[in-house]
């Protein structure tokens, strides 16, 4: 097994343990930090060791989805979102689901584009639990919703305008070199 795939699998295995520890406690932050770092390292290590693969990209996407669902279920009670925010998150989720369905239907595969927008959204979501120490959750959640909305729409537009699945396409405005 390659190191990048090991990092993604470690995130898949460790993420559920976040549900078993005190939210925002010491053990939570330790486990969460390991998951957060593994998310940042898996793609980087794959690129520098020339071990990028379709399987690894899919594994990273699966790990991202698992981590996101677990994190949101933990933070829901802490954030205590308004009805507006809940509706906004549902709309973002519907756009994301439409994007995933379009990938399956159009390209006969599974995957999430590793665009700059998706990376920035993931990074912002990743630092969310740490930022509660310094900032009000209300403003952070609105900022994340704006980023998530823009990146979700961008990813859907990439799929609708592309002939081939491009997991590493950086932006709607930057053409991929492959295909």
N, C-alpha and C. Protein backbone atom coordinates (compact mmCIF):
# COMPACT_ATOMS: atom_id res chain seq x y z
N UNK A 1 0.85 -1.18 0.00
CA UNK A 1 0.00 0.00 0.00
C UNK A 1 0.90 1.24 0.00
N UNK A 2 0.51 2.23 -0.80
CA UNK A 2 1.28 3.46 -0.88
C UNK A 2 1.03 4.33 0.37
N UNK A 3 1.97 5.19 0.66
CA UNK A 3 1.85 6.09 1.81
C UNK A 3 0.62 7.00 1.67
N UNK A 4 0.37 7.61 0.49
CA UNK A 4 -0.82 8.46 0.37
C UNK A 4 -2.12 7.69 0.65
N UNK A 5 -2.22 6.47 0.14
CA UNK A 5 -3.43 5.69 0.40
C UNK A 5 -3.55 5.33 1.88
N UNK A 6 -2.41 5.04 2.52
CA UNK A 6 -2.41 4.78 3.96
C UNK A 6 -2.93 6.00 4.73
N UNK A 7 -2.51 7.20 4.30
CA UNK A 7 -2.97 8.42 4.96
C UNK A 7 -4.49 8.60 4.81
N UNK A 8 -5.01 8.33 3.62
CA UNK A 8 -6.46 8.44 3.40
C UNK A 8 -7.21 7.40 4.23
N UNK A 9 -6.70 6.18 4.25
CA UNK A 9 -7.34 5.12 5.03
C UNK A 9 -7.29 5.45 6.52
N UNK A 10 -6.19 6.03 6.98
CA UNK A 10 -6.10 6.40 8.40
C UNK A 10 -7.19 7.41 8.75
N UNK A 11 -7.50 8.32 7.84
CA UNK A 11 -8.58 9.30 8.07
C UNK A 11 -9.93 8.61 8.13
N UNK A 12 -10.13 7.62 7.26
CA UNK A 12 -11.39 6.87 7.27
C UNK A 12 -11.54 6.11 8.59
N UNK A 13 -10.46 5.53 9.07
CA UNK A 13 -10.50 4.73 10.31
C UNK A 13 -10.63 5.62 11.55
N UNK A 14 -9.89 6.74 11.59
CA UNK A 14 -9.88 7.59 12.78
C UNK A 14 -11.11 8.49 12.91
N UNK A 15 -11.68 8.90 11.80
CA UNK A 15 -12.82 9.84 11.85
C UNK A 15 -13.96 9.37 12.75
N UNK A 16 -14.40 8.11 12.67
CA UNK A 16 -15.52 7.68 13.53
C UNK A 16 -15.21 7.78 15.03
N UNK A 17 -13.94 7.71 15.40
CA UNK A 17 -13.58 7.83 16.81
C UNK A 17 -13.89 9.23 17.35
N UNK A 18 -13.99 10.22 16.47
CA UNK A 18 -14.36 11.57 16.89
C UNK A 18 -15.75 11.59 17.51
N UNK A 19 -16.59 10.66 17.09
CA UNK A 19 -17.95 10.57 17.64
C UNK A 19 -17.96 10.04 19.07
N UNK A 20 -16.87 9.41 19.48
CA UNK A 20 -16.82 8.75 20.79
C UNK A 20 -16.14 9.59 21.87
N UNK A 21 -15.57 10.72 21.48
CA UNK A 21 -14.84 11.55 22.46
C UNK A 21 -15.60 12.86 22.68
N UNK A 22 -15.22 13.58 23.74
CA UNK A 22 -15.87 14.85 24.06
C UNK A 22 -15.58 15.87 22.95
N UNK A 23 -16.64 16.43 22.34
CA UNK A 23 -16.44 17.43 21.29
C UNK A 23 -15.61 18.60 21.81
N UNK A 24 -14.64 19.00 21.03
CA UNK A 24 -13.75 20.12 21.32
C UNK A 24 -12.90 19.90 22.57
N UNK A 25 -12.78 18.64 23.01
CA UNK A 25 -11.90 18.31 24.13
C UNK A 25 -10.51 17.98 23.61
N UNK A 26 -9.61 17.69 24.52
CA UNK A 26 -8.22 17.42 24.17
C UNK A 26 -8.06 16.24 23.22
N UNK A 27 -8.71 15.12 23.51
CA UNK A 27 -8.60 13.94 22.65
C UNK A 27 -9.25 14.20 21.29
N UNK A 28 -10.36 14.94 21.29
CA UNK A 28 -11.00 15.32 20.04
C UNK A 28 -10.02 16.08 19.15
N UNK A 29 -9.38 17.12 19.73
CA UNK A 29 -8.46 17.93 18.93
C UNK A 29 -7.25 17.13 18.47
N UNK A 30 -6.80 16.18 19.28
CA UNK A 30 -5.66 15.35 18.88
C UNK A 30 -6.04 14.48 17.67
N UNK A 31 -7.17 13.76 17.79
CA UNK A 31 -7.63 12.92 16.67
C UNK A 31 -7.95 13.76 15.44
N UNK A 32 -8.61 14.87 15.67
CA UNK A 32 -9.00 15.73 14.56
C UNK A 32 -7.77 16.29 13.85
N UNK A 33 -6.76 16.69 14.60
CA UNK A 33 -5.54 17.22 14.00
C UNK A 33 -4.87 16.16 13.13
N UNK A 34 -4.82 14.92 13.60
CA UNK A 34 -4.23 13.83 12.81
C UNK A 34 -5.01 13.66 11.50
N UNK A 35 -6.34 13.67 11.59
CA UNK A 35 -7.17 13.54 10.38
C UNK A 35 -6.96 14.73 9.44
N UNK A 36 -6.91 15.91 10.01
CA UNK A 36 -6.73 17.14 9.23
C UNK A 36 -5.39 17.12 8.49
N UNK A 37 -4.34 16.74 9.18
CA UNK A 37 -3.01 16.67 8.57
C UNK A 37 -2.96 15.59 7.50
N UNK A 38 -3.58 14.43 7.77
CA UNK A 38 -3.58 13.36 6.76
C UNK A 38 -4.29 13.80 5.49
N UNK A 39 -5.31 14.64 5.64
CA UNK A 39 -6.03 15.15 4.47
C UNK A 39 -5.13 16.05 3.64
N UNK A 40 -4.33 16.85 4.30
CA UNK A 40 -3.43 17.74 3.57
C UNK A 40 -2.24 17.03 2.97
N UNK A 41 -1.81 15.95 3.63
CA UNK A 41 -0.60 15.26 3.18
C UNK A 41 -0.82 14.23 2.08
N UNK A 42 -1.98 13.58 2.04
CA UNK A 42 -2.13 12.46 1.11
C UNK A 42 -1.88 12.85 -0.34
N UNK A 43 -2.51 13.92 -0.80
CA UNK A 43 -2.30 14.37 -2.18
C UNK A 43 -0.90 14.91 -2.42
N UNK A 44 -0.38 15.64 -1.44
CA UNK A 44 0.96 16.19 -1.56
C UNK A 44 2.00 15.07 -1.68
N UNK A 45 1.91 14.08 -0.80
CA UNK A 45 2.85 12.96 -0.84
C UNK A 45 2.71 12.19 -2.15
N UNK A 46 1.48 12.01 -2.62
CA UNK A 46 1.27 11.30 -3.89
C UNK A 46 1.96 12.03 -5.04
N UNK A 47 1.87 13.35 -5.04
CA UNK A 47 2.51 14.12 -6.12
C UNK A 47 4.03 14.05 -6.04
N UNK A 48 4.59 14.23 -4.85
CA UNK A 48 6.06 14.27 -4.77
C UNK A 48 6.70 12.88 -4.90
N UNK A 49 5.93 11.81 -4.62
CA UNK A 49 6.47 10.46 -4.77
C UNK A 49 6.03 9.82 -6.09
N UNK A 50 5.31 10.60 -6.89
CA UNK A 50 4.82 10.12 -8.19
C UNK A 50 3.99 8.84 -8.04
N UNK A 51 3.13 8.83 -7.00
CA UNK A 51 2.26 7.67 -6.76
C UNK A 51 0.78 8.05 -6.88
N UNK A 52 0.49 9.13 -7.62
CA UNK A 52 -0.90 9.52 -7.84
C UNK A 52 -1.61 8.41 -8.60
N UNK A 53 -2.87 8.18 -8.23
CA UNK A 53 -3.65 7.15 -8.92
C UNK A 53 -5.13 7.52 -8.85
N UNK A 54 -5.90 6.96 -9.78
CA UNK A 54 -7.35 7.16 -9.74
C UNK A 54 -7.92 6.60 -8.44
N UNK A 55 -7.43 5.42 -8.05
CA UNK A 55 -7.89 4.80 -6.81
C UNK A 55 -7.60 5.72 -5.62
N UNK A 56 -6.40 6.27 -5.56
CA UNK A 56 -6.03 7.16 -4.46
C UNK A 56 -6.89 8.41 -4.42
N UNK A 57 -7.20 8.98 -5.58
CA UNK A 57 -8.06 10.17 -5.64
C UNK A 57 -9.47 9.83 -5.14
N UNK A 58 -9.97 8.66 -5.53
CA UNK A 58 -11.30 8.23 -5.06
C UNK A 58 -11.29 7.96 -3.56
N UNK A 59 -10.23 7.32 -3.09
CA UNK A 59 -10.10 7.02 -1.66
C UNK A 59 -10.06 8.33 -0.86
N UNK A 60 -9.34 9.32 -1.35
CA UNK A 60 -9.28 10.63 -0.70
C UNK A 60 -10.66 11.27 -0.67
N UNK A 61 -11.40 11.17 -1.77
CA UNK A 61 -12.75 11.75 -1.82
C UNK A 61 -13.67 11.06 -0.83
N UNK A 62 -13.59 9.74 -0.74
CA UNK A 62 -14.42 8.99 0.22
C UNK A 62 -14.07 9.41 1.64
N UNK A 63 -12.77 9.51 1.93
CA UNK A 63 -12.32 9.93 3.26
C UNK A 63 -12.82 11.34 3.58
N UNK A 64 -12.80 12.22 2.59
CA UNK A 64 -13.28 13.59 2.77
C UNK A 64 -14.77 13.61 3.12
N UNK A 65 -15.56 12.82 2.40
CA UNK A 65 -17.01 12.78 2.65
C UNK A 65 -17.29 12.23 4.05
N UNK A 66 -16.62 11.14 4.42
CA UNK A 66 -16.81 10.56 5.76
C UNK A 66 -16.45 11.57 6.83
N UNK A 67 -15.30 12.20 6.68
CA UNK A 67 -14.85 13.18 7.66
C UNK A 67 -15.83 14.35 7.75
N UNK A 68 -16.31 14.83 6.61
CA UNK A 68 -17.25 15.95 6.60
C UNK A 68 -18.54 15.60 7.33
N UNK A 69 -19.11 14.44 7.02
CA UNK A 69 -20.38 14.04 7.64
C UNK A 69 -20.22 13.91 9.15
N UNK A 70 -19.13 13.30 9.58
CA UNK A 70 -18.88 13.14 11.02
C UNK A 70 -18.67 14.49 11.68
N UNK A 71 -17.87 15.34 11.07
CA UNK A 71 -17.62 16.65 11.66
C UNK A 71 -18.91 17.46 11.77
N UNK A 72 -19.72 17.45 10.73
CA UNK A 72 -20.96 18.22 10.77
C UNK A 72 -21.92 17.68 11.83
N UNK A 73 -21.95 16.36 12.00
CA UNK A 73 -22.84 15.80 13.02
C UNK A 73 -22.37 16.19 14.42
N UNK A 74 -21.07 16.30 14.62
CA UNK A 74 -20.53 16.71 15.92
C UNK A 74 -20.77 18.21 16.15
N UNK A 75 -20.50 19.01 15.14
CA UNK A 75 -20.55 20.47 15.31
C UNK A 75 -21.97 21.04 15.25
N UNK A 76 -22.93 20.26 14.78
CA UNK A 76 -24.30 20.76 14.65
C UNK A 76 -24.80 21.35 15.97
N UNK A 77 -24.63 20.61 17.05
CA UNK A 77 -25.11 21.08 18.35
C UNK A 77 -24.32 22.25 18.89
N UNK A 78 -23.06 22.33 18.53
CA UNK A 78 -22.21 23.42 19.00
C UNK A 78 -22.54 24.71 18.25
N UNK A 79 -22.71 24.58 16.96
CA UNK A 79 -22.99 25.76 16.12
C UNK A 79 -24.42 26.24 16.32
N UNK A 80 -25.36 25.28 16.50
CA UNK A 80 -26.78 25.59 16.66
C UNK A 80 -27.25 26.50 15.52
N UNK A 81 -27.21 25.98 14.27
CA UNK A 81 -27.49 26.82 13.10
C UNK A 81 -28.94 27.28 13.02
N UNK A 82 -29.11 28.43 12.40
CA UNK A 82 -30.45 28.97 12.17
C UNK A 82 -31.11 28.17 11.05
N UNK A 83 -32.41 28.37 10.89
CA UNK A 83 -33.15 27.72 9.81
C UNK A 83 -32.59 28.14 8.45
N UNK A 84 -32.20 29.39 8.33
CA UNK A 84 -31.60 29.89 7.09
C UNK A 84 -30.33 29.12 6.75
N UNK A 85 -29.45 28.94 7.74
CA UNK A 85 -28.19 28.23 7.52
C UNK A 85 -28.47 26.77 7.17
N UNK A 86 -29.41 26.15 7.85
CA UNK A 86 -29.77 24.75 7.55
C UNK A 86 -30.25 24.64 6.11
N UNK A 87 -31.12 25.56 5.70
CA UNK A 87 -31.62 25.55 4.32
C UNK A 87 -30.48 25.74 3.33
N UNK A 88 -29.57 26.65 3.64
CA UNK A 88 -28.42 26.93 2.77
C UNK A 88 -27.53 25.69 2.64
N UNK A 89 -27.27 25.03 3.75
CA UNK A 89 -26.46 23.81 3.73
C UNK A 89 -27.16 22.71 2.91
N UNK A 90 -28.46 22.61 3.03
CA UNK A 90 -29.21 21.62 2.24
C UNK A 90 -29.08 21.92 0.75
N UNK A 91 -29.18 23.19 0.39
CA UNK A 91 -29.02 23.57 -1.02
C UNK A 91 -27.62 23.22 -1.52
N UNK A 92 -26.60 23.53 -0.71
CA UNK A 92 -25.23 23.18 -1.08
C UNK A 92 -25.10 21.67 -1.24
N UNK A 93 -25.69 20.92 -0.32
CA UNK A 93 -25.65 19.46 -0.39
C UNK A 93 -26.34 18.94 -1.65
N UNK A 94 -27.43 19.57 -2.04
CA UNK A 94 -28.14 19.17 -3.27
C UNK A 94 -27.29 19.45 -4.51
N UNK A 95 -26.61 20.59 -4.52
CA UNK A 95 -25.71 20.89 -5.65
C UNK A 95 -24.58 19.87 -5.69
N UNK A 96 -24.01 19.56 -4.52
CA UNK A 96 -22.94 18.55 -4.45
C UNK A 96 -23.44 17.19 -4.91
N UNK A 97 -24.64 16.80 -4.46
CA UNK A 97 -25.21 15.52 -4.86
C UNK A 97 -25.44 15.48 -6.37
N UNK A 98 -25.93 16.59 -6.93
CA UNK A 98 -26.14 16.67 -8.38
C UNK A 98 -24.80 16.51 -9.10
N UNK A 99 -23.77 17.12 -8.55
CA UNK A 99 -22.44 17.00 -9.13
C UNK A 99 -21.95 15.55 -9.10
N UNK A 100 -22.10 14.90 -7.95
CA UNK A 100 -21.68 13.49 -7.84
C UNK A 100 -22.47 12.58 -8.77
N UNK A 101 -23.76 12.82 -8.86
CA UNK A 101 -24.61 12.03 -9.77
C UNK A 101 -24.18 12.26 -11.22
N UNK A 102 -23.87 13.50 -11.55
CA UNK A 102 -23.44 13.79 -12.93
C UNK A 102 -22.14 13.07 -13.26
N UNK A 103 -21.24 12.95 -12.28
CA UNK A 103 -19.99 12.22 -12.49
C UNK A 103 -20.28 10.75 -12.77
N UNK A 104 -21.16 10.17 -11.98
CA UNK A 104 -21.49 8.75 -12.16
C UNK A 104 -22.17 8.54 -13.52
N UNK A 105 -23.14 9.38 -13.85
CA UNK A 105 -23.89 9.21 -15.09
C UNK A 105 -23.04 9.53 -16.33
N UNK A 106 -22.35 10.65 -16.29
CA UNK A 106 -21.62 11.13 -17.46
C UNK A 106 -20.30 10.41 -17.68
N UNK A 107 -19.57 10.14 -16.59
CA UNK A 107 -18.22 9.58 -16.72
C UNK A 107 -18.10 8.13 -16.26
N UNK A 108 -19.18 7.59 -15.68
CA UNK A 108 -19.19 6.20 -15.19
C UNK A 108 -18.10 5.96 -14.15
N UNK A 109 -17.91 6.92 -13.26
CA UNK A 109 -16.92 6.80 -12.19
C UNK A 109 -17.42 7.59 -10.99
N UNK A 110 -16.62 7.63 -9.93
CA UNK A 110 -16.92 8.42 -8.74
C UNK A 110 -15.74 9.34 -8.49
N UNK A 111 -16.02 10.56 -8.10
CA UNK A 111 -14.92 11.45 -7.78
C UNK A 111 -15.38 12.86 -7.51
N UNK A 112 -14.51 13.56 -6.83
CA UNK A 112 -14.72 14.97 -6.51
C UNK A 112 -13.53 15.72 -7.10
N UNK A 113 -13.80 16.85 -7.72
CA UNK A 113 -12.74 17.65 -8.33
C UNK A 113 -11.90 18.29 -7.21
N UNK A 114 -10.61 18.20 -7.34
CA UNK A 114 -9.70 18.81 -6.36
C UNK A 114 -9.35 20.23 -6.80
N UNK A 115 -10.38 21.04 -6.96
CA UNK A 115 -10.20 22.42 -7.43
C UNK A 115 -9.71 23.31 -6.28
N UNK A 116 -9.23 24.48 -6.66
CA UNK A 116 -8.81 25.44 -5.64
C UNK A 116 -9.99 25.78 -4.72
N UNK A 117 -11.17 25.94 -5.30
CA UNK A 117 -12.36 26.27 -4.49
C UNK A 117 -12.68 25.17 -3.49
N UNK A 118 -12.64 23.91 -3.95
CA UNK A 118 -12.91 22.80 -3.04
C UNK A 118 -11.83 22.69 -1.97
N UNK A 119 -10.58 22.93 -2.36
CA UNK A 119 -9.49 22.87 -1.37
C UNK A 119 -9.63 23.98 -0.34
N UNK A 120 -9.96 25.18 -0.78
CA UNK A 120 -10.14 26.29 0.16
C UNK A 120 -11.32 26.03 1.09
N UNK A 121 -12.41 25.51 0.54
CA UNK A 121 -13.56 25.16 1.37
C UNK A 121 -13.19 24.09 2.38
N UNK A 122 -12.47 23.07 1.94
CA UNK A 122 -12.04 22.00 2.84
C UNK A 122 -11.11 22.51 3.93
N UNK A 123 -10.19 23.39 3.55
CA UNK A 123 -9.27 23.97 4.53
C UNK A 123 -10.04 24.79 5.56
N UNK A 124 -10.98 25.59 5.09
CA UNK A 124 -11.76 26.43 6.00
C UNK A 124 -12.62 25.57 6.93
N UNK A 125 -13.24 24.52 6.37
CA UNK A 125 -13.98 23.59 7.22
C UNK A 125 -13.05 22.89 8.20
N UNK A 126 -11.85 22.59 7.74
CA UNK A 126 -10.89 21.89 8.57
C UNK A 126 -10.44 22.69 9.78
N UNK A 127 -10.32 23.99 9.60
CA UNK A 127 -9.87 24.81 10.73
C UNK A 127 -11.04 25.30 11.59
N UNK A 128 -12.27 25.00 11.16
CA UNK A 128 -13.45 25.47 11.89
C UNK A 128 -13.42 25.11 13.38
N UNK A 129 -13.20 23.85 13.75
CA UNK A 129 -13.20 23.56 15.19
C UNK A 129 -12.13 24.33 15.97
N UNK A 130 -10.96 24.53 15.37
CA UNK A 130 -9.89 25.27 16.03
C UNK A 130 -10.24 26.76 16.16
N UNK A 131 -10.99 27.28 15.20
CA UNK A 131 -11.28 28.71 15.17
C UNK A 131 -12.32 29.13 16.20
N UNK A 132 -13.07 28.18 16.76
CA UNK A 132 -14.06 28.53 17.78
C UNK A 132 -13.41 29.21 18.98
N UNK A 133 -12.13 28.97 19.16
CA UNK A 133 -11.40 29.58 20.26
C UNK A 133 -11.32 31.09 20.08
N UNK A 134 -11.25 31.55 18.82
CA UNK A 134 -11.00 32.96 18.54
C UNK A 134 -12.20 33.72 17.97
N UNK A 135 -13.10 33.03 17.29
CA UNK A 135 -14.16 33.72 16.55
C UNK A 135 -15.53 33.15 16.90
N UNK A 136 -16.53 33.95 16.63
CA UNK A 136 -17.92 33.53 16.78
C UNK A 136 -18.26 32.53 15.68
N UNK A 137 -18.89 31.41 16.03
CA UNK A 137 -19.26 30.42 15.01
C UNK A 137 -20.19 30.98 13.93
N UNK A 138 -21.04 31.96 14.29
CA UNK A 138 -22.02 32.49 13.34
C UNK A 138 -21.36 33.05 12.08
N UNK A 139 -20.38 33.90 12.25
CA UNK A 139 -19.71 34.52 11.09
C UNK A 139 -18.90 33.51 10.31
N UNK A 140 -18.27 32.59 11.01
CA UNK A 140 -17.49 31.55 10.33
C UNK A 140 -18.38 30.66 9.47
N UNK A 141 -19.52 30.31 9.99
CA UNK A 141 -20.43 29.43 9.25
C UNK A 141 -20.93 30.13 7.99
N UNK A 142 -21.24 31.39 8.08
CA UNK A 142 -21.68 32.14 6.89
C UNK A 142 -20.55 32.19 5.86
N UNK A 143 -19.34 32.48 6.30
CA UNK A 143 -18.19 32.52 5.40
C UNK A 143 -17.98 31.15 4.73
N UNK A 144 -18.06 30.08 5.50
CA UNK A 144 -17.89 28.74 4.94
C UNK A 144 -19.02 28.41 3.97
N UNK A 145 -20.23 28.81 4.28
CA UNK A 145 -21.35 28.56 3.37
C UNK A 145 -21.15 29.28 2.04
N UNK A 146 -20.64 30.50 2.09
CA UNK A 146 -20.36 31.23 0.85
C UNK A 146 -19.33 30.48 0.02
N UNK A 147 -18.21 30.09 0.67
CA UNK A 147 -17.17 29.34 -0.04
C UNK A 147 -17.70 28.02 -0.59
N UNK A 148 -18.42 27.28 0.24
CA UNK A 148 -18.94 25.98 -0.15
C UNK A 148 -19.92 26.10 -1.31
N UNK A 149 -20.74 27.14 -1.29
CA UNK A 149 -21.71 27.36 -2.36
C UNK A 149 -20.98 27.65 -3.68
N UNK A 150 -20.02 28.55 -3.63
CA UNK A 150 -19.27 28.90 -4.85
C UNK A 150 -18.50 27.69 -5.40
N UNK A 151 -17.85 26.93 -4.52
CA UNK A 151 -17.07 25.79 -5.00
C UNK A 151 -17.97 24.66 -5.50
N UNK A 152 -19.14 24.48 -4.89
CA UNK A 152 -20.06 23.44 -5.35
C UNK A 152 -20.60 23.77 -6.74
N UNK A 153 -20.98 25.02 -6.95
CA UNK A 153 -21.47 25.45 -8.26
C UNK A 153 -20.35 25.34 -9.30
N UNK A 154 -19.15 25.76 -8.92
CA UNK A 154 -18.02 25.66 -9.84
C UNK A 154 -17.78 24.20 -10.25
N UNK A 155 -17.79 23.29 -9.28
CA UNK A 155 -17.56 21.89 -9.61
C UNK A 155 -18.65 21.35 -10.53
N UNK A 156 -19.89 21.68 -10.26
CA UNK A 156 -20.98 21.23 -11.13
C UNK A 156 -20.80 21.78 -12.54
N UNK A 157 -20.43 23.04 -12.67
CA UNK A 157 -20.20 23.63 -14.00
C UNK A 157 -19.02 22.96 -14.71
N UNK A 158 -18.00 22.58 -13.96
CA UNK A 158 -16.88 21.85 -14.57
C UNK A 158 -17.37 20.55 -15.18
N UNK A 159 -18.21 19.82 -14.44
CA UNK A 159 -18.73 18.55 -14.96
C UNK A 159 -19.65 18.76 -16.16
N UNK A 160 -20.46 19.79 -16.10
CA UNK A 160 -21.40 20.04 -17.19
C UNK A 160 -20.71 20.50 -18.47
N UNK A 161 -19.54 21.10 -18.35
CA UNK A 161 -18.85 21.64 -19.53
C UNK A 161 -17.65 20.81 -19.99
N UNK A 162 -17.35 19.73 -19.28
CA UNK A 162 -16.20 18.90 -19.63
C UNK A 162 -16.63 17.61 -20.32
N UNK A 163 -15.75 17.10 -21.17
CA UNK A 163 -16.02 15.83 -21.84
C UNK A 163 -15.47 14.64 -21.07
N UNK A 164 -14.50 14.89 -20.19
CA UNK A 164 -13.86 13.84 -19.42
C UNK A 164 -13.80 14.26 -17.95
N UNK A 165 -13.83 13.26 -17.06
CA UNK A 165 -13.69 13.56 -15.64
C UNK A 165 -12.28 14.07 -15.38
N UNK A 166 -12.18 15.18 -14.69
CA UNK A 166 -10.89 15.81 -14.42
C UNK A 166 -10.75 16.05 -12.92
N UNK A 167 -10.32 15.02 -12.20
CA UNK A 167 -10.21 15.10 -10.75
C UNK A 167 -9.28 16.21 -10.30
N UNK A 168 -8.27 16.52 -11.08
CA UNK A 168 -7.28 17.51 -10.67
C UNK A 168 -7.44 18.86 -11.36
N UNK A 169 -8.60 19.11 -11.92
CA UNK A 169 -8.84 20.42 -12.53
C UNK A 169 -8.85 21.48 -11.44
N UNK A 170 -8.08 22.52 -11.60
CA UNK A 170 -7.90 23.51 -10.55
C UNK A 170 -9.03 24.53 -10.46
N UNK A 171 -9.69 24.80 -11.59
CA UNK A 171 -10.73 25.81 -11.59
C UNK A 171 -11.54 25.70 -12.88
N UNK A 172 -12.72 26.24 -12.86
CA UNK A 172 -13.53 26.33 -14.07
C UNK A 172 -12.81 27.18 -15.10
N UNK A 173 -11.99 28.11 -14.64
CA UNK A 173 -11.32 29.06 -15.50
C UNK A 173 -9.93 28.63 -15.94
N UNK A 174 -9.50 27.47 -15.45
CA UNK A 174 -8.19 26.92 -15.82
C UNK A 174 -8.43 25.58 -16.49
N UNK A 175 -8.06 25.47 -17.76
CA UNK A 175 -8.23 24.22 -18.50
C UNK A 175 -7.23 23.18 -18.03
N UNK A 176 -7.68 21.95 -18.00
CA UNK A 176 -6.80 20.82 -17.65
C UNK A 176 -5.90 20.50 -18.83
N UNK A 177 -4.69 20.01 -18.54
CA UNK A 177 -3.76 19.62 -19.62
C UNK A 177 -4.11 18.24 -20.18
N UNK A 178 -4.74 17.39 -19.38
CA UNK A 178 -5.02 16.02 -19.82
C UNK A 178 -6.27 15.99 -20.69
N UNK A 179 -6.34 15.00 -21.52
CA UNK A 179 -7.48 14.72 -22.41
C UNK A 179 -7.57 15.82 -23.43
